[in-house]
C-alpha atoms as a PDB file:
ATOM      1  CA  MET A   1     177.138  79.383 234.216  1.00  0.00           C
ATOM      2  CA  LYS A   2     174.712  78.967 236.850  1.00  0.00           C
ATOM      3  CA  LYS A   3     173.246  75.270 236.637  1.00  0.00           C
ATOM      4  CA  THR A   4     169.301  74.965 236.608  1.00  0.00           C
ATOM      5  CA  ALA A   5     167.849  72.351 239.174  1.00  0.00           C
ATOM      6  CA  VAL A   6     166.598  69.476 237.021  1.00  0.00           C
ATOM      7  CA  ALA A   7     163.815  67.527 238.376  1.00  0.00           C
ATOM      8  CA  THR A   8     164.568  63.803 239.128  1.00  0.00           C
ATOM      9  CA  LYS A   9     162.554  60.858 238.168  1.00  0.00           C
ATOM     10  CA  ASP A  10     161.084  60.663 241.942  1.00  0.00           C
ATOM     11  CA  ASP A  11     160.181  64.383 241.847  1.00  0.00           C
ATOM     12  CA  ILE A  12     158.053  64.132 238.259  1.00  0.00           C
ATOM     13  CA  THR A  13     156.459  61.039 240.050  1.00  0.00           C
ATOM     14  CA  ALA A  14     155.592  62.870 242.958  1.00  0.00           C
ATOM     15  CA  MET A  15     154.592  65.945 241.145  1.00  0.00           C
ATOM     16  CA  ASN A  16     151.907  63.784 239.019  1.00  0.00           C
ATOM     17  CA  SER A  17     150.543  61.673 241.990  1.00  0.00           C
ATOM     18  CA  ASP A  18     147.241  61.600 243.433  1.00  0.00           C
ATOM     19  CA  GLY A  19     149.122  62.561 247.058  1.00  0.00           C
ATOM     20  CA  ALA A  20     150.242  65.445 245.434  1.00  0.00           C
ATOM     21  CA  ARG A  21     146.764  66.489 243.828  1.00  0.00           C
ATOM     22  CA  MET A  22     144.971  65.805 247.450  1.00  0.00           C
ATOM     23  CA  ILE A  23     148.032  68.277 249.130  1.00  0.00           C
ATOM     24  CA  THR A  24     146.705  71.030 246.646  1.00  0.00           C
ATOM     25  CA  ALA A  25     143.301  70.426 247.398  1.00  0.00           C
ATOM     26  CA  ALA A  26     143.942  70.796 250.994  1.00  0.00           C
ATOM     27  CA  SER A  27     145.769  73.878 250.245  1.00  0.00           C
ATOM     28  CA  ASP A  28     142.475  75.058 248.800  1.00  0.00           C
ATOM     29  CA  ASN A  29     140.284  73.861 251.287  1.00  0.00           C
ATOM     30  CA  ASP A  30     138.632  71.761 248.932  1.00  0.00           C
ATOM     31  CA  ILE A  31     137.304  69.334 251.740  1.00  0.00           C
ATOM     32  CA  PRO A  32     134.863  66.989 249.398  1.00  0.00           C
ATOM     33  CA  ALA A  33     138.117  66.469 246.957  1.00  0.00           C
ATOM     34  CA  VAL A  34     140.111  65.600 249.782  1.00  0.00           C
ATOM     35  CA  LYS A  35     137.753  63.258 251.219  1.00  0.00           C
ATOM     36  CA  ALA A  36     137.487  61.728 247.810  1.00  0.00           C
ATOM     37  CA  TYR A  37     141.096  61.002 247.620  1.00  0.00           C
ATOM     38  CA  LEU A  38     141.450  59.453 251.283  1.00  0.00           C
ATOM     39  CA  ASP A  39     137.921  57.247 250.209  1.00  0.00           C
ATOM     40  CA  ASN A  40     140.233  56.033 247.248  1.00  0.00           C
ATOM     41  CA  LYS A  41     142.944  54.929 249.996  1.00  0.00           C
ATOM     42  CA  VAL A  42     145.516  57.719 248.957  1.00  0.00           C
ATOM     43  CA  ASP A  43     147.720  57.928 251.877  1.00  0.00           C
ATOM     44  CA  VAL A  44     146.808  60.861 254.402  1.00  0.00           C
ATOM     45  CA  ASN A  45     150.216  61.345 254.791  1.00  0.00           C
ATOM     46  CA  ALA A  46     151.426  61.254 251.123  1.00  0.00           C
ATOM     47  CA  ARG A  47     153.990  63.631 250.597  1.00  0.00           C
ATOM     48  CA  ASP A  48     154.672  66.079 247.264  1.00  0.00           C
ATOM     49  CA  TRP A  49     157.912  67.203 245.831  1.00  0.00           C
ATOM     50  CA  ASP A  50     158.483  69.464 248.594  1.00  0.00           C
ATOM     51  CA  ASN A  51     157.931  66.900 250.953  1.00  0.00           C
ATOM     52  CA  MET A  52     154.531  68.652 251.933  1.00  0.00           C
ATOM     53  CA  THR A  53     151.828  66.826 253.806  1.00  0.00           C
ATOM     54  CA  ALA A  54     147.569  67.805 253.519  1.00  0.00           C
ATOM     55  CA  LEU A  55     148.132  68.656 257.133  1.00  0.00           C
ATOM     56  CA  ILE A  56     151.121  71.069 256.657  1.00  0.00           C
ATOM     57  CA  ALA A  57     149.202  72.611 253.566  1.00  0.00           C
ATOM     58  CA  ALA A  58     145.911  72.898 255.431  1.00  0.00           C
ATOM     59  CA  ALA A  59     147.361  74.142 258.415  1.00  0.00           C
ATOM     60  CA  GLY A  60     149.375  76.923 256.727  1.00  0.00           C
ATOM     61  CA  LYS A  61     145.949  78.354 255.165  1.00  0.00           C
ATOM     62  CA  GLY A  62     143.993  78.372 258.483  1.00  0.00           C
ATOM     63  CA  HIS A  63     141.697  75.603 257.297  1.00  0.00           C
ATOM     64  CA  LEU A  64     140.789  74.418 260.928  1.00  0.00           C
ATOM     65  CA  GLU A  65     137.806  72.055 259.832  1.00  0.00           C
ATOM     66  CA  LEU A  66     140.141  70.360 257.194  1.00  0.00           C
ATOM     67  CA  VAL A  67     142.933  70.295 259.776  1.00  0.00           C
ATOM     68  CA  LYS A  68     140.668  68.266 262.108  1.00  0.00           C
ATOM     69  CA  LEU A  69     139.336  65.875 259.615  1.00  0.00           C
ATOM     70  CA  LEU A  70     142.704  65.126 258.683  1.00  0.00           C
ATOM     71  CA  VAL A  71     143.741  64.340 261.867  1.00  0.00           C
ATOM     72  CA  SER A  72     140.843  62.079 262.522  1.00  0.00           C
ATOM     73  CA  LYS A  73     142.163  60.008 259.536  1.00  0.00           C
ATOM     74  CA  LYS A  74     145.534  59.503 261.403  1.00  0.00           C
ATOM     75  CA  ALA A  75     147.317  62.522 259.499  1.00  0.00           C
ATOM     76  CA  GLU A  76     150.856  62.440 261.823  1.00  0.00           C
ATOM     77  CA  ILE A  77     150.912  65.948 263.171  1.00  0.00           C
ATOM     78  CA  ASN A  78     154.826  66.274 263.554  1.00  0.00           C
ATOM     79  CA  LEU A  79     155.814  65.538 260.035  1.00  0.00           C
ATOM     80  CA  LYS A  80     158.024  68.043 258.380  1.00  0.00           C
ATOM     81  CA  ASP A  81     158.309  69.139 254.815  1.00  0.00           C
ATOM     82  CA  LYS A  82     161.966  69.645 253.101  1.00  0.00           C
ATOM     83  CA  ASP A  83     162.754  72.436 254.915  1.00  0.00           C
ATOM     84  CA  ASN A  84     161.686  70.881 258.453  1.00  0.00           C
ATOM     85  CA  ILE A  85     158.856  72.980 258.946  1.00  0.00           C
ATOM     86  CA  THR A  86     155.824  71.190 260.422  1.00  0.00           C
ATOM     87  CA  ALA A  87     152.023  72.146 260.879  1.00  0.00           C
ATOM     88  CA  VAL A  88     152.197  73.956 263.952  1.00  0.00           C
ATOM     89  CA  MET A  89     154.812  75.871 262.410  1.00  0.00           C
ATOM     90  CA  GLU A  90     153.343  76.768 259.401  1.00  0.00           C
ATOM     91  CA  SER A  91     150.176  77.596 260.969  1.00  0.00           C
ATOM     92  CA  SER A  92     152.160  79.976 263.673  1.00  0.00           C
ATOM     93  CA  MET A  93     153.973  81.643 260.768  1.00  0.00           C
ATOM     94  CA  ASN A  94     150.800  82.789 258.870  1.00  0.00           C
ATOM     95  CA  GLY A  95     149.017  83.840 261.877  1.00  0.00           C
ATOM     96  CA  HIS A  96     146.396  80.883 262.636  1.00  0.00           C
ATOM     97  CA  LEU A  97     145.358  80.765 266.068  1.00  0.00           C
ATOM     98  CA  SER A  98     143.086  78.292 266.174  1.00  0.00           C
ATOM     99  CA  VAL A  99     145.059  75.971 264.321  1.00  0.00           C
ATOM    100  CA  VAL A 100     147.891  76.810 266.458  1.00  0.00           C
ATOM    101  CA  GLU A 101     145.543  76.051 269.437  1.00  0.00           C
ATOM    102  CA  TYR A 102     144.259  72.976 268.140  1.00  0.00           C
ATOM    103  CA  LEU A 103     147.573  71.274 267.129  1.00  0.00           C
ATOM    104  CA  ILE A 104     149.004  71.758 270.690  1.00  0.00           C
ATOM    105  CA  SER A 105     145.960  70.293 272.395  1.00  0.00           C
ATOM    106  CA  ILE A 106     146.492  66.818 270.311  1.00  0.00           C
ATOM    107  CA  GLY A 107     150.544  66.885 270.976  1.00  0.00           C
ATOM    108  CA  ALA A 108     152.058  69.210 268.576  1.00  0.00           C
ATOM    109  CA  VAL A 109     155.710  69.713 269.323  1.00  0.00           C
ATOM    110  CA  ILE A 110     156.617  73.069 269.708  1.00  0.00           C
ATOM    111  CA  ASP A 111     160.031  73.840 269.503  1.00  0.00           C
ATOM    112  CA  THR A 112     161.039  71.544 266.888  1.00  0.00           C
ATOM    113  CA  PRO A 113     163.975  73.380 264.720  1.00  0.00           C
ATOM    114  CA  ALA A 114     163.507  74.093 261.007  1.00  0.00           C
ATOM    115  CA  ALA A 115     166.334  73.437 258.688  1.00  0.00           C
ATOM    116  CA  SER A 116     167.432  77.051 259.725  1.00  0.00           C
ATOM    117  CA  GLY A 117     166.990  76.508 263.381  1.00  0.00           C
ATOM    118  CA  VAL A 118     163.942  78.629 264.003  1.00  0.00           C
ATOM    119  CA  SER A 119     160.942  77.315 265.825  1.00  0.00           C
ATOM    120  CA  ALA A 120     157.316  78.184 265.719  1.00  0.00           C
ATOM    121  CA  LEU A 121     157.956  80.969 268.030  1.00  0.00           C
ATOM    122  CA  TRP A 122     160.469  82.695 265.998  1.00  0.00           C
ATOM    123  CA  LEU A 123     158.327  82.353 262.873  1.00  0.00           C
ATOM    124  CA  SER A 124     155.530  84.097 264.454  1.00  0.00           C
ATOM    125  CA  ALA A 125     157.594  86.674 266.275  1.00  0.00           C
ATOM    126  CA  GLY A 126     159.194  87.627 263.049  1.00  0.00           C
ATOM    127  CA  GLU A 127     155.641  87.897 261.471  1.00  0.00           C
ATOM    128  CA  GLY A 128     154.065  90.032 264.316  1.00  0.00           C
ATOM    129  CA  HIS A 129     151.868  87.485 265.832  1.00  0.00           C
ATOM    130  CA  SER A 130     151.261  88.627 269.120  1.00  0.00           C
ATOM    131  CA  ASP A 131     148.528  86.081 269.959  1.00  0.00           C
ATOM    132  CA  ILE A 132     150.702  83.066 268.921  1.00  0.00           C
ATOM    133  CA  VAL A 133     153.838  84.220 270.398  1.00  0.00           C
ATOM    134  CA  LYS A 134     151.662  84.819 273.714  1.00  0.00           C
ATOM    135  CA  LEU A 135     150.161  81.333 273.282  1.00  0.00           C
ATOM    136  CA  LEU A 136     153.629  79.427 272.543  1.00  0.00           C
ATOM    137  CA  LEU A 137     155.123  81.322 275.436  1.00  0.00           C
ATOM    138  CA  SER A 138     152.852  79.918 277.762  1.00  0.00           C
ATOM    139  CA  LYS A 139     153.297  76.473 276.413  1.00  0.00           C
ATOM    140  CA  GLY A 140     156.969  76.588 277.442  1.00  0.00           C
ATOM    141  CA  SER A 141     158.605  78.026 273.949  1.00  0.00           C
ATOM    142  CA  ASP A 142     162.256  79.039 274.122  1.00  0.00           C
ATOM    143  CA  PRO A 143     162.015  82.931 274.044  1.00  0.00           C
ATOM    144  CA  ASN A 144     165.755  82.927 272.936  1.00  0.00           C
ATOM    145  CA  ASN A 145     165.596  80.576 270.088  1.00  0.00           C
ATOM    146  CA  LYS A 146     167.703  81.693 267.237  1.00  0.00           C
ATOM    147  CA  ARG A 147     168.402  80.945 263.537  1.00  0.00           C
ATOM    148  CA  SER A 148     171.705  79.336 262.249  1.00  0.00           C
ATOM    149  CA  ASP A 149     172.980  83.124 261.749  1.00  0.00           C
ATOM    150  CA  GLY A 150     172.091  83.903 265.265  1.00  0.00           C
ATOM    151  CA  ILE A 151     169.433  86.039 264.907  1.00  0.00           C
ATOM    152  CA  THR A 152     167.118  85.684 267.765  1.00  0.00           C
ATOM    153  CA  ALA A 153     163.153  85.796 267.787  1.00  0.00           C
ATOM    154  CA  LEU A 154     163.729  89.226 269.796  1.00  0.00           C
ATOM    155  CA  MET A 155     165.990  90.315 266.888  1.00  0.00           C
ATOM    156  CA  ALA A 156     163.336  89.558 264.363  1.00  0.00           C
ATOM    157  CA  ALA A 157     160.799  90.957 266.123  1.00  0.00           C
ATOM    158  CA  CYS A 158     162.457  94.296 266.559  1.00  0.00           C
ATOM    159  CA  ALA A 159     163.248  94.203 262.876  1.00  0.00           C
ATOM    160  CA  GLY A 160     159.668  93.831 261.855  1.00  0.00           C
ATOM    161  CA  GLY A 161     158.565  96.720 264.247  1.00  0.00           C
ATOM    162  CA  HIS A 162     156.545  94.365 266.210  1.00  0.00           C
ATOM    163  CA  ALA A 163     156.217  96.496 269.648  1.00  0.00           C
ATOM    164  CA  ASP A 164     153.804  93.837 271.400  1.00  0.00           C
ATOM    165  CA  VAL A 165     156.054  91.131 270.286  1.00  0.00           C
ATOM    166  CA  VAL A 166     159.051  92.660 271.863  1.00  0.00           C
ATOM    167  CA  LYS A 167     157.215  93.078 275.262  1.00  0.00           C
ATOM    168  CA  LEU A 168     156.046  89.640 275.360  1.00  0.00           C
ATOM    169  CA  LEU A 169     159.757  88.263 274.582  1.00  0.00           C
ATOM    170  CA  LEU A 170     161.362  90.844 277.199  1.00  0.00           C
ATOM    171  CA  GLU A 171     158.812  89.524 279.883  1.00  0.00           C
ATOM    172  CA  SER A 172     159.721  86.246 279.104  1.00  0.00           C
ATOM    173  CA  GLY A 173     163.394  86.548 279.664  1.00  0.00           C
ATOM    174  CA  SER A 174     164.638  87.072 276.035  1.00  0.00           C
ATOM    175  CA  ASP A 175     168.103  87.954 275.871  1.00  0.00           C
ATOM    176  CA  VAL A 176     168.492  91.937 275.123  1.00  0.00           C
ATOM    177  CA  THR A 177     171.962  91.443 274.658  1.00  0.00           C
ATOM    178  CA  GLY A 178     172.166  88.885 272.173  1.00  0.00           C
ATOM    179  CA  LYS A 179     174.316  89.186 269.117  1.00  0.00           C
ATOM    180  CA  ASP A 180     174.214  87.259 265.723  1.00  0.00           C
ATOM    181  CA  LYS A 181     177.109  86.109 263.480  1.00  0.00           C
ATOM    182  CA  ASP A 182     177.928  89.776 262.433  1.00  0.00           C
ATOM    183  CA  GLY A 183     177.572  91.450 265.848  1.00  0.00           C
ATOM    184  CA  LEU A 184     173.965  93.018 265.504  1.00  0.00           C
ATOM    185  CA  THR A 185     171.875  93.284 268.385  1.00  0.00           C
ATOM    186  CA  ALA A 186     168.158  93.798 269.087  1.00  0.00           C
ATOM    187  CA  LEU A 187     168.846  97.319 269.754  1.00  0.00           C
ATOM    188  CA  ILE A 188     170.645  97.925 266.539  1.00  0.00           C
ATOM    189  CA  SER A 189     167.531  96.101 264.582  1.00  0.00           C
ATOM    190  CA  ALA A 190     165.393  98.651 266.444  1.00  0.00           C
ATOM    191  CA  ALA A 191     167.029 101.523 265.619  1.00  0.00           C
ATOM    192  CA  GLU A 192     166.985 100.419 262.178  1.00  0.00           C
ATOM    193  CA  ASN A 193     163.358 100.021 261.926  1.00  0.00           C
ATOM    194  CA  GLY A 194     162.718 103.327 263.651  1.00  0.00           C
ATOM    195  CA  SER A 195     160.206 102.044 266.234  1.00  0.00           C
ATOM    196  CA  LEU A 196     160.671 104.188 269.556  1.00  0.00           C
ATOM    197  CA  PRO A 197     158.638 102.159 271.691  1.00  0.00           C
ATOM    198  CA  ILE A 198     160.738  99.173 271.040  1.00  0.00           C
ATOM    199  CA  VAL A 199     164.088 101.044 271.394  1.00  0.00           C
ATOM    200  CA  GLU A 200     162.820 102.491 274.879  1.00  0.00           C
ATOM    201  CA  MET A 201     161.849  99.048 276.086  1.00  0.00           C
ATOM    202  CA  LEU A 202     165.173  97.250 275.274  1.00  0.00           C
ATOM    203  CA  LEU A 203     167.096 100.453 276.934  1.00  0.00           C
ATOM    204  CA  ALA A 204     165.044  99.802 279.742  1.00  0.00           C
ATOM    205  CA  LYS A 205     165.648  96.111 279.830  1.00  0.00           C
ATOM    206  CA  GLY A 206     169.651  96.996 279.661  1.00  0.00           C
ATOM    207  CA  ALA A 207     170.492  97.021 276.048  1.00  0.00           C
ATOM    208  CA  GLU A 208     173.963  97.794 275.326  1.00  0.00           C
ATOM    209  CA  VAL A 209     173.669 101.336 273.860  1.00  0.00           C
ATOM    210  CA  ASN A 210     177.259 101.515 272.460  1.00  0.00           C
ATOM    211  CA  VAL A 211     177.515  98.064 271.201  1.00  0.00           C
ATOM    212  CA  LEU A 212     179.356  97.616 267.568  1.00  0.00           C
ATOM    213  CA  SER A 213     178.438  95.296 265.178  1.00  0.00           C
ATOM    214  CA  GLU A 214     181.603  93.419 263.121  1.00  0.00           C
ATOM    215  CA  THR A 215     181.549  96.377 260.480  1.00  0.00           C
ATOM    216  CA  GLY A 216     181.595  99.022 263.094  1.00  0.00           C
ATOM    217  CA  PHE A 217     177.454  99.771 263.442  1.00  0.00           C
ATOM    218  CA  SER A 218     176.321 101.054 266.463  1.00  0.00           C
ATOM    219  CA  PRO A 219     172.513 101.483 267.148  1.00  0.00           C
ATOM    220  CA  LEU A 220     173.296 105.587 266.874  1.00  0.00           C
ATOM    221  CA  ILE A 221     175.116 104.925 263.275  1.00  0.00           C
ATOM    222  CA  ILE A 222     172.148 102.892 262.008  1.00  0.00           C
ATOM    223  CA  ALA A 223     169.499 105.418 263.457  1.00  0.00           C
ATOM    224  CA  CYS A 224     171.051 108.414 262.043  1.00  0.00           C
ATOM    225  CA  ALA A 225     171.699 106.605 258.403  1.00  0.00           C
ATOM    226  CA  HIS A 226     168.103 106.009 258.270  1.00  0.00           C
ATOM    227  CA  GLY A 227     166.942 108.905 259.268  1.00  0.00           C
ATOM    228  CA  HIS A 228     165.087 108.469 262.685  1.00  0.00           C
ATOM    229  CA  VAL A 229     165.577 111.642 264.473  1.00  0.00           C
ATOM    230  CA  GLU A 230     163.326 110.497 267.728  1.00  0.00           C
ATOM    231  CA  VAL A 231     165.283 107.502 268.015  1.00  0.00           C
ATOM    232  CA  VAL A 232     168.583 109.502 267.735  1.00  0.00           C
ATOM    233  CA  ARG A 233     167.552 111.810 270.274  1.00  0.00           C
ATOM    234  CA  VAL A 234     166.595 108.662 272.773  1.00  0.00           C
ATOM    235  CA  LEU A 235     169.857 106.758 272.077  1.00  0.00           C
ATOM    236  CA  LEU A 236     171.916 110.087 272.942  1.00  0.00           C
ATOM    237  CA  ASN A 237     170.290 110.811 276.247  1.00  0.00           C
ATOM    238  CA  ALA A 238     170.979 107.055 276.866  1.00  0.00           C
ATOM    239  CA  GLY A 239     174.486 107.874 276.768  1.00  0.00           C
ATOM    240  CA  ALA A 240     175.039 106.969 273.312  1.00  0.00           C
ATOM    241  CA  ASP A 241     178.793 107.613 271.947  1.00  0.00           C
ATOM    242  CA  ILE A 242     178.626 110.592 269.683  1.00  0.00           C
ATOM    243  CA  GLU A 243     181.713 109.718 267.789  1.00  0.00           C
ATOM    244  CA  PRO A 244     182.292 105.754 268.418  1.00  0.00           C
ATOM    245  CA  GLU A 245     184.995 103.734 267.094  1.00  0.00           C
ATOM    246  CA  HIS A 246     184.266 102.895 263.510  1.00  0.00           C
ATOM    247  CA  PRO A 247     186.654 101.142 262.027  1.00  0.00           C
ATOM    248  CA  GLU A 248     187.036 103.670 259.299  1.00  0.00           C
ATOM    249  CA  SER A 249     186.523 106.196 261.403  1.00  0.00           C
ATOM    250  CA  VAL A 250     182.979 107.212 260.018  1.00  0.00           C
ATOM    251  CA  THR A 251     180.681 109.351 262.381  1.00  0.00           C
ATOM    252  CA  PRO A 252     177.050 109.357 262.851  1.00  0.00           C
ATOM    253  CA  LEU A 253     177.441 112.934 261.646  1.00  0.00           C
ATOM    254  CA  MET A 254     178.628 111.752 258.253  1.00  0.00           C
ATOM    255  CA  TYR A 255     176.237 109.045 257.803  1.00  0.00           C
ATOM    256  CA  ALA A 256     173.092 111.508 258.813  1.00  0.00           C
ATOM    257  CA  ALA A 257     175.182 114.082 256.226  1.00  0.00           C
ATOM    258  CA  ALA A 258     175.430 111.443 253.514  1.00  0.00           C
ATOM    259  CA  GLY A 259     171.580 110.638 254.090  1.00  0.00           C
ATOM    260  CA  GLY A 260     170.370 113.977 253.743  1.00  0.00           C
ATOM    261  CA  HIS A 261     169.061 114.079 257.310  1.00  0.00           C
ATOM    262  CA  PRO A 262     169.224 117.934 258.397  1.00  0.00           C
ATOM    263  CA  GLU A 263     167.313 117.628 261.460  1.00  0.00           C
ATOM    264  CA  ILE A 264     169.738 114.684 262.890  1.00  0.00           C
ATOM    265  CA  VAL A 265     172.928 117.015 261.678  1.00  0.00           C
ATOM    266  CA  LYS A 266     171.363 119.714 264.125  1.00  0.00           C
ATOM    267  CA  VAL A 267     170.843 117.322 266.778  1.00  0.00           C
ATOM    268  CA  LEU A 268     174.440 115.849 266.285  1.00  0.00           C
ATOM    269  CA  LEU A 269     176.017 118.901 266.044  1.00  0.00           C
ATOM    270  CA  GLU A 270     173.708 120.518 269.443  1.00  0.00           C
ATOM    271  CA  LYS A 271     175.346 117.675 271.056  1.00  0.00           C
ATOM    272  CA  GLY A 272     178.826 118.284 270.167  1.00  0.00           C
ATOM    273  CA  ALA A 273     179.522 116.306 267.271  1.00  0.00           C
ATOM    274  CA  GLN A 274     182.926 117.599 265.651  1.00  0.00           C
ATOM    275  CA  VAL A 275     181.969 118.854 262.345  1.00  0.00           C
ATOM    276  CA  ASN A 276     185.726 118.576 260.491  1.00  0.00           C
ATOM    277  CA  LEU A 277     186.577 114.887 261.641  1.00  0.00           C
ATOM    278  CA  LYS A 278     187.635 112.889 258.501  1.00  0.00           C
ATOM    279  CA  HIS A 279     187.389 109.074 257.901  1.00  0.00           C
ATOM    280  CA  THR A 280     190.156 106.667 256.844  1.00  0.00           C
ATOM    281  CA  GLN A 281     189.817 107.965 253.264  1.00  0.00           C
ATOM    282  CA  GLY A 282     190.106 111.865 254.379  1.00  0.00           C
ATOM    283  CA  GLY A 283     186.468 112.731 253.556  1.00  0.00           C
ATOM    284  CA  SER A 284     184.400 114.781 256.225  1.00  0.00           C
ATOM    285  CA  ALA A 285     180.600 115.245 256.653  1.00  0.00           C
ATOM    286  CA  LEU A 286     180.572 118.044 254.564  1.00  0.00           C
ATOM    287  CA  MET A 287     182.069 116.198 251.670  1.00  0.00           C
ATOM    288  CA  GLU A 288     179.471 113.453 252.025  1.00  0.00           C
ATOM    289  CA  ALA A 289     176.630 115.994 252.000  1.00  0.00           C
ATOM    290  CA  ALA A 290     178.002 117.752 249.044  1.00  0.00           C
ATOM    291  CA  THR A 291     178.583 114.473 247.228  1.00  0.00           C
ATOM    292  CA  ALA A 292     174.886 113.349 247.701  1.00  0.00           C
ATOM    293  CA  GLY A 293     173.695 116.843 246.971  1.00  0.00           C
ATOM    294  CA  ASN A 294     172.123 117.552 250.089  1.00  0.00           C
ATOM    295  CA  VAL A 295     171.918 121.408 250.050  1.00  0.00           C
ATOM    296  CA  SER A 296     170.016 121.803 253.191  1.00  0.00           C
ATOM    297  CA  VAL A 297     172.618 119.769 255.116  1.00  0.00           C
ATOM    298  CA  VAL A 298     175.652 121.389 253.167  1.00  0.00           C
ATOM    299  CA  ASN A 299     174.349 125.010 254.578  1.00  0.00           C
ATOM    300  CA  ILE A 300     174.032 123.839 258.168  1.00  0.00           C
ATOM    301  CA  LEU A 301     177.458 122.240 258.200  1.00  0.00           C
ATOM    302  CA  LEU A 302     179.057 125.259 257.191  1.00  0.00           C
ATOM    303  CA  ASP A 303     177.057 127.616 259.555  1.00  0.00           C
ATOM    304  CA  ALA A 304     178.688 125.275 262.016  1.00  0.00           C
ATOM    305  CA  GLY A 305     182.042 125.927 260.903  1.00  0.00           C
ATOM    306  CA  ALA A 306     182.892 123.115 258.563  1.00  0.00           C
ATOM    307  CA  ASP A 307     186.038 123.761 256.580  1.00  0.00           C
ATOM    308  CA  PRO A 308     184.870 123.496 252.968  1.00  0.00           C
ATOM    309  CA  PHE A 309     188.863 122.926 251.699  1.00  0.00           C
ATOM    310  CA  ILE A 310     189.384 119.946 253.486  1.00  0.00           C
ATOM    311  CA  VAL A 311     190.974 117.789 250.740  1.00  0.00           C
ATOM    312  CA  ASP A 312     190.448 113.838 250.961  1.00  0.00           C
ATOM    313  CA  LYS A 313     193.035 110.917 249.620  1.00  0.00           C
ATOM    314  CA  ASP A 314     192.351 111.439 246.157  1.00  0.00           C
ATOM    315  CA  GLY A 315     192.973 115.298 246.302  1.00  0.00           C
ATOM    316  CA  VAL A 316     188.990 115.964 245.986  1.00  0.00           C
ATOM    317  CA  THR A 317     187.348 118.950 248.133  1.00  0.00           C
ATOM    318  CA  ALA A 318     183.581 119.070 248.970  1.00  0.00           C
ATOM    319  CA  LEU A 319     183.307 121.475 245.844  1.00  0.00           C
ATOM    320  CA  MET A 320     184.841 119.456 243.587  1.00  0.00           C
ATOM    321  CA  SER A 321     182.890 116.550 244.914  1.00  0.00           C
ATOM    322  CA  ALA A 322     179.642 118.140 244.093  1.00  0.00           C
ATOM    323  CA  ALA A 323     180.803 119.606 240.809  1.00  0.00           C
ATOM    324  CA  SER A 324     181.684 115.890 239.577  1.00  0.00           C
ATOM    325  CA  GLN A 325     178.013 114.823 240.521  1.00  0.00           C
ATOM    326  CA  GLY A 326     176.779 117.527 238.650  1.00  0.00           C
ATOM    327  CA  HIS A 327     174.902 119.009 241.829  1.00  0.00           C
ATOM    328  CA  THR A 328     175.182 122.688 240.759  1.00  0.00           C
ATOM    329  CA  GLU A 329     172.783 123.736 243.709  1.00  0.00           C
ATOM    330  CA  VAL A 330     175.466 122.872 246.097  1.00  0.00           C
ATOM    331  CA  VAL A 331     178.353 124.279 243.797  1.00  0.00           C
ATOM    332  CA  ARG A 332     176.563 127.976 243.746  1.00  0.00           C
END
């Protein structure tokens, strides 16, 4: 049975404190209420149950006037919440440039890591705040900051499709070949997202087109699986292996067939993809398309010479698989 977190006595005390109420007022930009709490001697650096402070709360909502008020009352600018998030990190993540500029001007530390290892730059890059990314880079923030699982700021920006941020990071020396704990790269992230400009930028900077993740995903496989035909074309033109050494011998053509992407199937076949290759379970691209009920793909593969009589390790053919899934349009 899953255990339910139980509030401690200290948690309950924090929830009911004037400090916690002041933090809520700061989040709501209720300046008169915050002033009243401070006039009543509530500590400007009081914490709530999340170790939040009024400054972090106000910064995260972009309340610049209130941030300045709290600083004038001796709020400590580099305090951290329970996740080691600071005021400058919170404002960077939420896109509040004026607050970030102000906090940096009075000494906020920009590369303090959160509990997950990420910095203000990583957080702003992942959200696509290019103006803040540009500012932080100009102040010396590390363009290769990474999360504890190895995902870099560049990967985060690629995954979000933030081309302007990717450009800034690459110009600042972000490692285009870096890998996370699963062997995923920025190019794989961009191929999944389908952002053609980002894919082109990464390739121009030397991204490895035939890199394979720990589970056998290449940029081409990912692009095929997600239906990004223009990305597929660019990757193939850049030298992507049309049949990479996948641990289960699954090919890009099989992924495109299973996903129901006829245009990609055509492109792969035109580039010489072998139509009757089998993965380790004995299935083919035709079987994948038939199982998924992708009629147009089935027809394209048959026209290209796909063998409908291939039998997988369970003794199943494409026709049998389609019938078992109720795809009568494929069976016909």
